Amino acid sequence: MPRSVNSVASRARRKKVMKQAKGYFGRRKNVWTVAKNAVDKAMLYAYRDRKTKKRNFRTLWITRINAGARLNGMSYSQFMGKVKANNIDLNRKVLADLAMNHPDAFKAIVDKVK
């Protein structure tokens, strides 16, 4: 009995990876072994950085809240402590948006917690 290889599936698998490597520079876009490694690494970075993005945004929100709080004579830690103590249920994302885009509303919150 002759050896049977599933050429259709193999070609489809390679085509899928080569399509993902479209736009890469040099041999990464058209040589199978190089493209496969590049796509694998890219997928690894994408998985890792979906987690990192959440951390980065939280850091950005904290920075913005801190800047807004300091303009109103408080530090970030004092402000967040008093927000929690006064049972104001606004998360950092909303507070950061208020601090950046609606400083009057943010000042009202700061005055309320003072």
PDB file of N, CA and C in Angstrom:
ATOM      1  N   MET A   1       0.847  -1.176   0.000  1.00  0.00           N
ATOM      2  CA  MET A   1       0.000   0.000   0.000  1.00  0.00           C
ATOM      3  C   MET A   1       0.896   1.244   0.000  1.00  0.00           C
ATOM      4  N   PRO A   2       0.620   2.216  -0.875  1.00  0.00           N
ATOM      5  CA  PRO A   2       1.468   3.401  -0.930  1.00  0.00           C
ATOM      6  C   PRO A   2       1.286   4.291   0.295  1.00  0.00           C
ATOM      7  N   ARG A   3       2.322   5.065   0.556  1.00  0.00           N
ATOM      8  CA  ARG A   3       2.272   5.975   1.697  1.00  0.00           C
ATOM      9  C   ARG A   3       1.289   7.104   1.388  1.00  0.00           C
ATOM     10  N   SER A   4       0.483   7.432   2.371  1.00  0.00           N
ATOM     11  CA  SER A   4      -0.518   8.477   2.171  1.00  0.00           C
ATOM     12  C   SER A   4      -0.154   9.682   3.032  1.00  0.00           C
ATOM     13  N   VAL A   5       0.001  10.820   2.375  1.00  0.00           N
ATOM     14  CA  VAL A   5       0.244  12.055   3.127  1.00  0.00           C
ATOM     15  C   VAL A   5      -0.902  13.009   2.829  1.00  0.00           C
ATOM     16  N   ASN A   6      -1.338  13.695   3.845  1.00  0.00           N
ATOM     17  CA  ASN A   6      -2.479  14.578   3.667  1.00  0.00           C
ATOM     18  C   ASN A   6      -1.993  15.931   3.157  1.00  0.00           C
ATOM     19  N   SER A   7      -1.698  15.978   1.854  1.00  0.00           N
ATOM     20  CA  SER A   7      -1.138  17.187   1.262  1.00  0.00           C
ATOM     21  C   SER A   7      -2.080  18.375   1.361  1.00  0.00           C
ATOM     22  N   VAL A   8      -3.370  18.123   1.254  1.00  0.00           N
ATOM     23  CA  VAL A   8      -4.349  19.204   1.274  1.00  0.00           C
ATOM     24  C   VAL A   8      -4.291  19.933   2.619  1.00  0.00           C
ATOM     25  N   ALA A   9      -4.292  19.174   3.705  1.00  0.00           N
ATOM     26  CA  ALA A   9      -4.257  19.777   5.035  1.00  0.00           C
ATOM     27  C   ALA A   9      -2.921  20.468   5.285  1.00  0.00           C
ATOM     28  N   SER A  10      -1.829  19.835   4.836  1.00  0.00           N
ATOM     29  CA  SER A  10      -0.499  20.435   5.033  1.00  0.00           C
ATOM     30  C   SER A  10      -0.398  21.770   4.315  1.00  0.00           C
ATOM     31  N   ARG A  11      -0.865  21.787   3.062  1.00  0.00           N
ATOM     32  CA  ARG A  11      -0.813  23.029   2.295  1.00  0.00           C
ATOM     33  C   ARG A  11      -1.698  24.104   2.934  1.00  0.00           C
ATOM     34  N   ALA A  12      -2.865  23.713   3.418  1.00  0.00           N
ATOM     35  CA  ALA A  12      -3.774  24.676   4.051  1.00  0.00           C
ATOM     36  C   ALA A  12      -3.136  25.269   5.298  1.00  0.00           C
ATOM     37  N   ARG A  13      -2.458  24.399   6.078  1.00  0.00           N
ATOM     38  CA  ARG A  13      -1.790  24.863   7.287  1.00  0.00           C
ATOM     39  C   ARG A  13      -0.703  25.883   6.948  1.00  0.00           C
ATOM     40  N   ARG A  14       0.092  25.550   5.914  1.00  0.00           N
ATOM     41  CA  ARG A  14       1.164  26.461   5.505  1.00  0.00           C
ATOM     42  C   ARG A  14       0.606  27.767   4.951  1.00  0.00           C
ATOM     43  N   LYS A  15      -0.471  27.662   4.174  1.00  0.00           N
ATOM     44  CA  LYS A  15      -1.075  28.876   3.609  1.00  0.00           C
ATOM     45  C   LYS A  15      -1.583  29.796   4.709  1.00  0.00           C
ATOM     46  N   LYS A  16      -2.145  29.196   5.763  1.00  0.00           N
ATOM     47  CA  LYS A  16      -2.667  29.997   6.874  1.00  0.00           C
ATOM     48  C   LYS A  16      -1.548  30.787   7.542  1.00  0.00           C
ATOM     49  N   VAL A  17      -0.413  30.109   7.763  1.00  0.00           N
ATOM     50  CA  VAL A  17       0.726  30.777   8.404  1.00  0.00           C
ATOM     51  C   VAL A  17       1.311  31.838   7.476  1.00  0.00           C
ATOM     52  N   MET A  18       1.431  31.532   6.186  1.00  0.00           N
ATOM     53  CA  MET A  18       1.995  32.489   5.242  1.00  0.00           C
ATOM     54  C   MET A  18       1.099  33.721   5.115  1.00  0.00           C
ATOM     55  N   LYS A  19      -0.209  33.524   5.229  1.00  0.00           N
ATOM     56  CA  LYS A  19      -1.132  34.660   5.186  1.00  0.00           C
ATOM     57  C   LYS A  19      -0.939  35.541   6.412  1.00  0.00           C
ATOM     58  N   GLN A  20      -0.679  34.918   7.565  1.00  0.00           N
ATOM     59  CA  GLN A  20      -0.435  35.695   8.784  1.00  0.00           C
ATOM     60  C   GLN A  20       0.882  36.465   8.700  1.00  0.00           C
ATOM     61  N   ALA A  21       1.849  35.937   7.925  1.00  0.00           N
ATOM     62  CA  ALA A  21       3.166  36.569   7.813  1.00  0.00           C
ATOM     63  C   ALA A  21       3.188  37.663   6.743  1.00  0.00           C
ATOM     64  N   LYS A  22       2.053  37.903   6.103  1.00  0.00           N
ATOM     65  CA  LYS A  22       1.992  38.927   5.061  1.00  0.00           C
ATOM     66  C   LYS A  22       2.334  40.288   5.660  1.00  0.00           C
ATOM     67  N   GLY A  23       3.216  41.018   4.987  1.00  0.00           N
ATOM     68  CA  GLY A  23       3.616  42.325   5.479  1.00  0.00           C
ATOM     69  C   GLY A  23       4.908  42.308   6.265  1.00  0.00           C
ATOM     70  N   TYR A  24       5.412  41.113   6.582  1.00  0.00           N
ATOM     71  CA  TYR A  24       6.690  41.040   7.280  1.00  0.00           C
ATOM     72  C   TYR A  24       7.815  41.388   6.314  1.00  0.00           C
ATOM     73  N   PHE A  25       8.993  41.709   6.870  1.00  0.00           N
ATOM     74  CA  PHE A  25      10.129  42.176   6.074  1.00  0.00           C
ATOM     75  C   PHE A  25      11.037  41.008   5.691  1.00  0.00           C
ATOM     76  N   GLY A  26      11.530  41.045   4.462  1.00  0.00           N
ATOM     77  CA  GLY A  26      12.535  40.086   4.009  1.00  0.00           C
ATOM     78  C   GLY A  26      11.995  38.674   3.889  1.00  0.00           C
ATOM     79  N   ARG A  27      12.816  37.695   4.283  1.00  0.00           N
ATOM     80  CA  ARG A  27      12.435  36.296   4.129  1.00  0.00           C
ATOM     81  C   ARG A  27      11.328  35.874   5.081  1.00  0.00           C
ATOM     82  N   ARG A  28      11.046  36.713   6.084  1.00  0.00           N
ATOM     83  CA  ARG A  28       9.997  36.353   7.054  1.00  0.00           C
ATOM     84  C   ARG A  28       8.641  36.256   6.364  1.00  0.00           C
ATOM     85  N   LYS A  29       8.474  36.902   5.212  1.00  0.00           N
ATOM     86  CA  LYS A  29       7.168  36.896   4.568  1.00  0.00           C
ATOM     87  C   LYS A  29       6.978  35.790   3.540  1.00  0.00           C
ATOM     88  N   ASN A  30       8.083  35.181   3.055  1.00  0.00           N
ATOM     89  CA  ASN A  30       7.884  34.230   1.962  1.00  0.00           C
ATOM     90  C   ASN A  30       8.653  32.915   2.075  1.00  0.00           C
ATOM     91  N   VAL A  31       9.451  32.735   3.113  1.00  0.00           N
ATOM     92  CA  VAL A  31      10.152  31.461   3.309  1.00  0.00           C
ATOM     93  C   VAL A  31       9.491  30.744   4.478  1.00  0.00           C
ATOM     94  N   TRP A  32       9.038  29.533   4.228  1.00  0.00           N
ATOM     95  CA  TRP A  32       8.180  28.830   5.173  1.00  0.00           C
ATOM     96  C   TRP A  32       8.766  28.748   6.573  1.00  0.00           C
ATOM     97  N   THR A  33      10.010  28.242   6.717  1.00  0.00           N
ATOM     98  CA  THR A  33      10.551  28.009   8.060  1.00  0.00           C
ATOM     99  C   THR A  33      10.744  29.331   8.804  1.00  0.00           C
ATOM    100  N   VAL A  34      11.212  30.354   8.108  1.00  0.00           N
ATOM    101  CA  VAL A  34      11.427  31.651   8.742  1.00  0.00           C
ATOM    102  C   VAL A  34      10.084  32.273   9.111  1.00  0.00           C
ATOM    103  N   ALA A  35       9.125  32.185   8.188  1.00  0.00           N
ATOM    104  CA  ALA A  35       7.799  32.759   8.431  1.00  0.00           C
ATOM    105  C   ALA A  35       7.108  32.060   9.598  1.00  0.00           C
ATOM    106  N   LYS A  36       7.242  30.752   9.680  1.00  0.00           N
ATOM    107  CA  LYS A  36       6.603  29.997  10.758  1.00  0.00           C
ATOM    108  C   LYS A  36       7.142  30.451  12.106  1.00  0.00           C
ATOM    109  N   ASN A  37       8.461  30.602  12.206  1.00  0.00           N
ATOM    110  CA  ASN A  37       9.065  31.055  13.461  1.00  0.00           C
ATOM    111  C   ASN A  37       8.624  32.480  13.799  1.00  0.00           C
ATOM    112  N   ALA A  38       8.574  33.341  12.777  1.00  0.00           N
ATOM    113  CA  ALA A  38       8.196  34.741  13.003  1.00  0.00           C
ATOM    114  C   ALA A  38       6.745  34.839  13.473  1.00  0.00           C
ATOM    115  N   VAL A  39       5.861  34.051  12.862  1.00  0.00           N
ATOM    116  CA  VAL A  39       4.441  34.087  13.239  1.00  0.00           C
ATOM    117  C   VAL A  39       4.258  33.509  14.641  1.00  0.00           C
ATOM    118  N   ASP A  40       4.972  32.436  14.958  1.00  0.00           N
ATOM    119  CA  ASP A  40       4.882  31.850  16.300  1.00  0.00           C
ATOM    120  C   ASP A  40       5.296  32.876  17.358  1.00  0.00           C
ATOM    121  N   LYS A  41       6.405  33.584  17.086  1.00  0.00           N
ATOM    122  CA  LYS A  41       6.895  34.590  18.025  1.00  0.00           C
ATOM    123  C   LYS A  41       5.893  35.741  18.141  1.00  0.00           C
ATOM    124  N   ALA A  42       5.323  36.142  17.003  1.00  0.00           N
ATOM    125  CA  ALA A  42       4.353  37.240  17.005  1.00  0.00           C
ATOM    126  C   ALA A  42       3.123  36.870  17.820  1.00  0.00           C
ATOM    127  N   MET A  43       2.665  35.623  17.686  1.00  0.00           N
ATOM    128  CA  MET A  43       1.494  35.174  18.439  1.00  0.00           C
ATOM    129  C   MET A  43       1.806  35.136  19.940  1.00  0.00           C
ATOM    130  N   LEU A  44       3.031  34.771  20.271  1.00  0.00           N
ATOM    131  CA  LEU A  44       3.447  34.744  21.671  1.00  0.00           C
ATOM    132  C   LEU A  44       3.433  36.159  22.257  1.00  0.00           C
ATOM    133  N   TYR A  45       3.969  37.117  21.479  1.00  0.00           N
ATOM    134  CA  TYR A  45       3.964  38.512  21.920  1.00  0.00           C
ATOM    135  C   TYR A  45       2.532  39.024  22.067  1.00  0.00           C
ATOM    136  N   ALA A  46       1.675  38.665  21.122  1.00  0.00           N
ATOM    137  CA  ALA A  46       0.290  39.142  21.155  1.00  0.00           C
ATOM    138  C   ALA A  46      -0.418  38.624  22.406  1.00  0.00           C
ATOM    139  N   TYR A  47      -0.206  37.351  22.735  1.00  0.00           N
ATOM    140  CA  TYR A  47      -0.826  36.759  23.926  1.00  0.00           C
ATOM    141  C   TYR A  47      -0.323  37.454  25.183  1.00  0.00           C
ATOM    142  N   ARG A  48       1.001  37.631  25.245  1.00  0.00           N
ATOM    143  CA  ARG A  48       1.609  38.251  26.424  1.00  0.00           C
ATOM    144  C   ARG A  48       1.123  39.692  26.587  1.00  0.00           C
ATOM    145  N   ASP A  49       1.080  40.424  25.486  1.00  0.00           N
ATOM    146  CA  ASP A  49       0.789  41.849  25.575  1.00  0.00           C
ATOM    147  C   ASP A  49      -0.692  42.149  25.750  1.00  0.00           C
ATOM    148  N   ARG A  50      -1.572  41.180  25.488  1.00  0.00           N
ATOM    149  CA  ARG A  50      -2.977  41.389  25.845  1.00  0.00           C
ATOM    150  C   ARG A  50      -3.120  41.489  27.358  1.00  0.00           C
ATOM    151  N   LYS A  51      -2.255  40.779  28.070  1.00  0.00           N
ATOM    152  CA  LYS A  51      -2.254  40.870  29.536  1.00  0.00           C
ATOM    153  C   LYS A  51      -1.588  42.180  29.984  1.00  0.00           C
ATOM    154  N   THR A  52      -0.476  42.535  29.334  1.00  0.00           N
ATOM    155  CA  THR A  52       0.289  43.726  29.703  1.00  0.00           C
ATOM    156  C   THR A  52      -0.519  44.997  29.461  1.00  0.00           C
ATOM    157  N   LYS A  53      -1.365  44.990  28.424  1.00  0.00           N
ATOM    158  CA  LYS A  53      -2.150  46.178  28.090  1.00  0.00           C
ATOM    159  C   LYS A  53      -3.023  46.611  29.258  1.00  0.00           C
ATOM    160  N   LYS A  54      -3.584  45.657  29.972  1.00  0.00           N
ATOM    161  CA  LYS A  54      -4.435  45.971  31.120  1.00  0.00           C
ATOM    162  C   LYS A  54      -3.640  46.695  32.200  1.00  0.00           C
ATOM    163  N   ARG A  55      -2.399  46.226  32.429  1.00  0.00           N
ATOM    164  CA  ARG A  55      -1.528  46.869  33.420  1.00  0.00           C
ATOM    165  C   ARG A  55      -1.164  48.286  32.988  1.00  0.00           C
ATOM    166  N   ASN A  56      -0.864  48.434  31.691  1.00  0.00           N
ATOM    167  CA  ASN A  56      -0.467  49.745  31.184  1.00  0.00           C
ATOM    168  C   ASN A  56      -1.584  50.765  31.329  1.00  0.00           C
ATOM    169  N   PHE A  57      -2.811  50.333  31.037  1.00  0.00           N
ATOM    170  CA  PHE A  57      -3.929  51.263  31.153  1.00  0.00           C
ATOM    171  C   PHE A  57      -4.176  51.646  32.607  1.00  0.00           C
ATOM    172  N   ARG A  58      -4.060  50.687  33.509  1.00  0.00           N
ATOM    173  CA  ARG A  58      -4.249  51.009  34.925  1.00  0.00           C
ATOM    174  C   ARG A  58      -3.204  52.036  35.375  1.00  0.00           C
ATOM    175  N   THR A  59      -1.959  51.864  34.937  1.00  0.00           N
ATOM    176  CA  THR A  59      -0.893  52.816  35.259  1.00  0.00           C
ATOM    177  C   THR A  59      -1.220  54.205  34.716  1.00  0.00           C
ATOM    178  N   LEU A  60      -1.721  54.257  33.488  1.00  0.00           N
ATOM    179  CA  LEU A  60      -2.093  55.533  32.877  1.00  0.00           C
ATOM    180  C   LEU A  60      -3.206  56.215  33.666  1.00  0.00           C
ATOM    181  N   TRP A  61      -4.227  55.425  34.051  1.00  0.00           N
ATOM    182  CA  TRP A  61      -5.343  55.993  34.821  1.00  0.00           C
ATOM    183  C   TRP A  61      -4.846  56.552  36.151  1.00  0.00           C
ATOM    184  N   ILE A  62      -3.978  55.815  36.829  1.00  0.00           N
ATOM    185  CA  ILE A  62      -3.457  56.261  38.124  1.00  0.00           C
ATOM    186  C   ILE A  62      -2.676  57.564  37.948  1.00  0.00           C
ATOM    187  N   THR A  63      -1.873  57.655  36.877  1.00  0.00           N
ATOM    188  CA  THR A  63      -1.100  58.868  36.616  1.00  0.00           C
ATOM    189  C   THR A  63      -2.022  60.063  36.405  1.00  0.00           C
ATOM    190  N   ARG A  64      -3.100  59.856  35.643  1.00  0.00           N
ATOM    191  CA  ARG A  64      -4.035  60.946  35.362  1.00  0.00           C
ATOM    192  C   ARG A  64      -4.793  61.376  36.619  1.00  0.00           C
ATOM    193  N   ILE A  65      -5.203  60.404  37.425  1.00  0.00           N
ATOM    194  CA  ILE A  65      -5.907  60.737  38.667  1.00  0.00           C
ATOM    195  C   ILE A  65      -4.960  61.504  39.595  1.00  0.00           C
ATOM    196  N   ASN A  66      -3.723  61.059  39.680  1.00  0.00           N
ATOM    197  CA  ASN A  66      -2.727  61.713  40.524  1.00  0.00           C
ATOM    198  C   ASN A  66      -2.535  63.166  40.094  1.00  0.00           C
ATOM    199  N   ALA A  67      -2.425  63.388  38.781  1.00  0.00           N
ATOM    200  CA  ALA A  67      -2.239  64.752  38.274  1.00  0.00           C
ATOM    201  C   ALA A  67      -3.445  65.620  38.634  1.00  0.00           C
ATOM    202  N   GLY A  68      -4.652  65.076  38.442  1.00  0.00           N
ATOM    203  CA  GLY A  68      -5.862  65.826  38.762  1.00  0.00           C
ATOM    204  C   GLY A  68      -5.986  66.102  40.246  1.00  0.00           C
ATOM    205  N   ALA A  69      -5.638  65.128  41.064  1.00  0.00           N
ATOM    206  CA  ALA A  69      -5.734  65.298  42.513  1.00  0.00           C
ATOM    207  C   ALA A  69      -4.729  66.342  42.997  1.00  0.00           C
ATOM    208  N   ARG A  70      -3.518  66.318  42.452  1.00  0.00           N
ATOM    209  CA  ARG A  70      -2.492  67.275  42.876  1.00  0.00           C
ATOM    210  C   ARG A  70      -2.850  68.705  42.466  1.00  0.00           C
ATOM    211  N   LEU A  71      -3.562  68.861  41.344  1.00  0.00           N
ATOM    212  CA  LEU A  71      -4.028  70.195  40.965  1.00  0.00           C
ATOM    213  C   LEU A  71      -5.014  70.742  42.000  1.00  0.00           C
ATOM    214  N   ASN A  72      -5.679  69.820  42.711  1.00  0.00           N
ATOM    215  CA  ASN A  72      -6.659  70.212  43.727  1.00  0.00           C
ATOM    216  C   ASN A  72      -6.127  70.038  45.149  1.00  0.00           C
ATOM    217  N   GLY A  73      -4.807  69.929  45.289  1.00  0.00           N
ATOM    218  CA  GLY A  73      -4.175  69.937  46.598  1.00  0.00           C
ATOM    219  C   GLY A  73      -4.219  68.631  47.371  1.00  0.00           C
ATOM    220  N   MET A  74      -4.209  67.508  46.678  1.00  0.00           N
ATOM    221  CA  MET A  74      -4.189  66.188  47.345  1.00  0.00           C
ATOM    222  C   MET A  74      -3.231  65.280  46.599  1.00  0.00           C
ATOM    223  N   SER A  75      -2.739  64.266  47.296  1.00  0.00           N
ATOM    224  CA  SER A  75      -1.958  63.244  46.594  1.00  0.00           C
ATOM    225  C   SER A  75      -2.915  62.137  46.147  1.00  0.00           C
ATOM    226  N   TYR A  76      -2.425  61.282  45.276  1.00  0.00           N
ATOM    227  CA  TYR A  76      -3.250  60.181  44.759  1.00  0.00           C
ATOM    228  C   TYR A  76      -3.714  59.264  45.883  1.00  0.00           C
ATOM    229  N   SER A  77      -2.782  58.893  46.761  1.00  0.00           N
ATOM    230  CA  SER A  77      -3.126  57.922  47.798  1.00  0.00           C
ATOM    231  C   SER A  77      -4.141  58.506  48.782  1.00  0.00           C
ATOM    232  N   GLN A  78      -3.980  59.783  49.134  1.00  0.00           N
ATOM    233  CA  GLN A  78      -4.959  60.423  50.012  1.00  0.00           C
ATOM    234  C   GLN A  78      -6.330  60.463  49.338  1.00  0.00           C
ATOM    235  N   PHE A  79      -6.331  60.845  48.068  1.00  0.00           N
ATOM    236  CA  PHE A  79      -7.585  60.958  47.327  1.00  0.00           C
ATOM    237  C   PHE A  79      -8.308  59.616  47.246  1.00  0.00           C
ATOM    238  N   MET A  80      -7.577  58.564  46.843  1.00  0.00           N
ATOM    239  CA  MET A  80      -8.219  57.246  46.680  1.00  0.00           C
ATOM    240  C   MET A  80      -8.684  56.704  48.031  1.00  0.00           C
ATOM    241  N   GLY A  81      -7.914  56.952  49.085  1.00  0.00           N
ATOM    242  CA  GLY A  81      -8.330  56.518  50.413  1.00  0.00           C
ATOM    243  C   GLY A  81      -9.634  57.168  50.825  1.00  0.00           C
ATOM    244  N   LYS A  82      -9.753  58.464  50.567  1.00  0.00           N
ATOM    245  CA  LYS A  82     -10.974  59.179  50.946  1.00  0.00           C
ATOM    246  C   LYS A  82     -12.149  58.825  50.043  1.00  0.00           C
ATOM    247  N   VAL A  83     -11.869  58.518  48.770  1.00  0.00           N
ATOM    248  CA  VAL A  83     -12.935  58.075  47.855  1.00  0.00           C
ATOM    249  C   VAL A  83     -13.537  56.771  48.367  1.00  0.00           C
ATOM    250  N   LYS A  84     -12.677  55.854  48.782  1.00  0.00           N
ATOM    251  CA  LYS A  84     -13.162  54.567  49.307  1.00  0.00           C
ATOM    252  C   LYS A  84     -13.903  54.770  50.633  1.00  0.00           C
ATOM    253  N   ALA A  85     -13.380  55.655  51.483  1.00  0.00           N
ATOM    254  CA  ALA A  85     -14.000  55.896  52.791  1.00  0.00           C
ATOM    255  C   ALA A  85     -15.378  56.520  52.655  1.00  0.00           C
ATOM    256  N   ASN A  86     -15.562  57.345  51.611  1.00  0.00           N
ATOM    257  CA  ASN A  86     -16.854  57.996  51.390  1.00  0.00           C
ATOM    258  C   ASN A  86     -17.801  57.176  50.518  1.00  0.00           C
ATOM    259  N   ASN A  87     -17.428  55.923  50.240  1.00  0.00           N
ATOM    260  CA  ASN A  87     -18.253  54.997  49.451  1.00  0.00           C
ATOM    261  C   ASN A  87     -18.638  55.565  48.084  1.00  0.00           C
ATOM    262  N   ILE A  88     -17.687  56.205  47.427  1.00  0.00           N
ATOM    263  CA  ILE A  88     -17.919  56.669  46.061  1.00  0.00           C
ATOM    264  C   ILE A  88     -17.483  55.537  45.137  1.00  0.00           C
ATOM    265  N   ASP A  89     -18.437  54.966  44.433  1.00  0.00           N
ATOM    266  CA  ASP A  89     -18.164  53.776  43.622  1.00  0.00           C
ATOM    267  C   ASP A  89     -17.807  54.141  42.182  1.00  0.00           C
ATOM    268  N   LEU A  90     -16.737  54.892  42.018  1.00  0.00           N
ATOM    269  CA  LEU A  90     -16.223  55.194  40.679  1.00  0.00           C
ATOM    270  C   LEU A  90     -14.867  54.507  40.550  1.00  0.00           C
ATOM    271  N   ASN A  91     -14.714  53.769  39.466  1.00  0.00           N
ATOM    272  CA  ASN A  91     -13.430  53.088  39.288  1.00  0.00           C
ATOM    273  C   ASN A  91     -12.383  54.031  38.705  1.00  0.00           C
ATOM    274  N   ARG A  92     -11.151  53.563  38.622  1.00  0.00           N
ATOM    275  CA  ARG A  92     -10.045  54.406  38.185  1.00  0.00           C
ATOM    276  C   ARG A  92     -10.224  54.888  36.752  1.00  0.00           C
ATOM    277  N   LYS A  93     -10.814  54.046  35.915  1.00  0.00           N
ATOM    278  CA  LYS A  93     -11.014  54.431  34.516  1.00  0.00           C
ATOM    279  C   LYS A  93     -11.913  55.667  34.429  1.00  0.00           C
ATOM    280  N   VAL A  94     -13.013  55.658  35.164  1.00  0.00           N
ATOM    281  CA  VAL A  94     -13.961  56.776  35.147  1.00  0.00           C
ATOM    282  C   VAL A  94     -13.337  58.009  35.787  1.00  0.00           C
ATOM    283  N   LEU A  95     -12.662  57.810  36.922  1.00  0.00           N
ATOM    284  CA  LEU A  95     -12.018  58.946  37.592  1.00  0.00           C
ATOM    285  C   LEU A  95     -10.963  59.597  36.700  1.00  0.00           C
ATOM    286  N   ALA A  96     -10.193  58.780  35.986  1.00  0.00           N
ATOM    287  CA  ALA A  96      -9.167  59.309  35.089  1.00  0.00           C
ATOM    288  C   ALA A  96      -9.806  60.097  33.952  1.00  0.00           C
ATOM    289  N   ASP A  97     -10.915  59.597  33.425  1.00  0.00           N
ATOM    290  CA  ASP A  97     -11.615  60.303  32.358  1.00  0.00           C
ATOM    291  C   ASP A  97     -12.140  61.649  32.856  1.00  0.00           C
ATOM    292  N   LEU A  98     -12.692  61.644  34.073  1.00  0.00           N
ATOM    293  CA  LEU A  98     -13.176  62.897  34.651  1.00  0.00           C
ATOM    294  C   LEU A  98     -12.018  63.879  34.867  1.00  0.00           C
ATOM    295  N   ALA A  99     -10.913  63.381  35.391  1.00  0.00           N
ATOM    296  CA  ALA A  99      -9.765  64.248  35.675  1.00  0.00           C
ATOM    297  C   ALA A  99      -9.226  64.885  34.405  1.00  0.00           C
ATOM    298  N   MET A 100      -9.268  64.149  33.308  1.00  0.00           N
ATOM    299  CA  MET A 100      -8.686  64.658  32.067  1.00  0.00           C
ATOM    300  C   MET A 100      -9.680  65.507  31.266  1.00  0.00           C
ATOM    301  N   ASN A 101     -10.910  65.015  31.109  1.00  0.00           N
ATOM    302  CA  ASN A 101     -11.854  65.657  30.196  1.00  0.00           C
ATOM    303  C   ASN A 101     -12.876  66.567  30.879  1.00  0.00           C
ATOM    304  N   HIS A 102     -13.132  66.341  32.159  1.00  0.00           N
ATOM    305  CA  HIS A 102     -14.127  67.134  32.893  1.00  0.00           C
ATOM    306  C   HIS A 102     -13.552  67.565  34.239  1.00  0.00           C
ATOM    307  N   PRO A 103     -12.591  68.509  34.228  1.00  0.00           N
ATOM    308  CA  PRO A 103     -11.919  68.883  35.476  1.00  0.00           C
ATOM    309  C   PRO A 103     -12.867  69.465  36.523  1.00  0.00           C
ATOM    310  N   ASP A 104     -13.949  70.106  36.078  1.00  0.00           N
ATOM    311  CA  ASP A 104     -14.901  70.668  37.048  1.00  0.00           C
ATOM    312  C   ASP A 104     -15.590  69.559  37.840  1.00  0.00           C
ATOM    313  N   ALA A 105     -15.998  68.502  37.139  1.00  0.00           N
ATOM    314  CA  ALA A 105     -16.647  67.367  37.806  1.00  0.00           C
ATOM    315  C   ALA A 105     -15.660  66.685  38.757  1.00  0.00           C
ATOM    316  N   PHE A 106     -14.408  66.572  38.315  1.00  0.00           N
ATOM    317  CA  PHE A 106     -13.394  65.943  39.162  1.00  0.00           C
ATOM    318  C   PHE A 106     -13.141  66.801  40.408  1.00  0.00           C
ATOM    319  N   LYS A 107     -13.117  68.118  40.223  1.00  0.00           N
ATOM    320  CA  LYS A 107     -12.929  69.020  41.363  1.00  0.00           C
ATOM    321  C   LYS A 107     -14.083  68.881  42.353  1.00  0.00           C
ATOM    322  N   ALA A 108     -15.297  68.671  41.854  1.00  0.00           N
ATOM    323  CA  ALA A 108     -16.451  68.480  42.723  1.00  0.00           C
ATOM    324  C   ALA A 108     -16.275  67.211  43.570  1.00  0.00           C
ATOM    325  N   ILE A 109     -15.744  66.163  42.974  1.00  0.00           N
ATOM    326  CA  ILE A 109     -15.500  64.919  43.709  1.00  0.00           C
ATOM    327  C   ILE A 109     -14.434  65.151  44.786  1.00  0.00           C
ATOM    328  N   VAL A 110     -13.361  65.857  44.405  1.00  0.00           N
ATOM    329  CA  VAL A 110     -12.297  66.152  45.366  1.00  0.00           C
ATOM    330  C   VAL A 110     -12.845  66.971  46.533  1.00  0.00           C
ATOM    331  N   ASP A 111     -13.663  67.966  46.233  1.00  0.00           N
ATOM    332  CA  ASP A 111     -14.251  68.789  47.296  1.00  0.00           C
ATOM    333  C   ASP A 111     -15.166  67.974  48.188  1.00  0.00           C
ATOM    334  N   LYS A 112     -15.891  67.030  47.588  1.00  0.00           N
ATOM    335  CA  LYS A 112     -16.806  66.188  48.377  1.00  0.00           C
ATOM    336  C   LYS A 112     -16.036  65.295  49.348  1.00  0.00           C
ATOM    337  N   VAL A 113     -14.899  64.742  48.915  1.00  0.00           N
ATOM    338  CA  VAL A 113     -14.154  63.845  49.794  1.00  0.00           C
ATOM    339  C   VAL A 113     -13.299  64.599  50.815  1.00  0.00           C
ATOM    340  N   LYS A 114     -12.987  65.858  50.552  1.00  0.00           N
ATOM    341  CA  LYS A 114     -12.220  66.646  51.518  1.00  0.00           C
ATOM    342  C   LYS A 114     -13.093  66.863  52.730  1.00  0.00           C
TER     343      LYS A 114
END
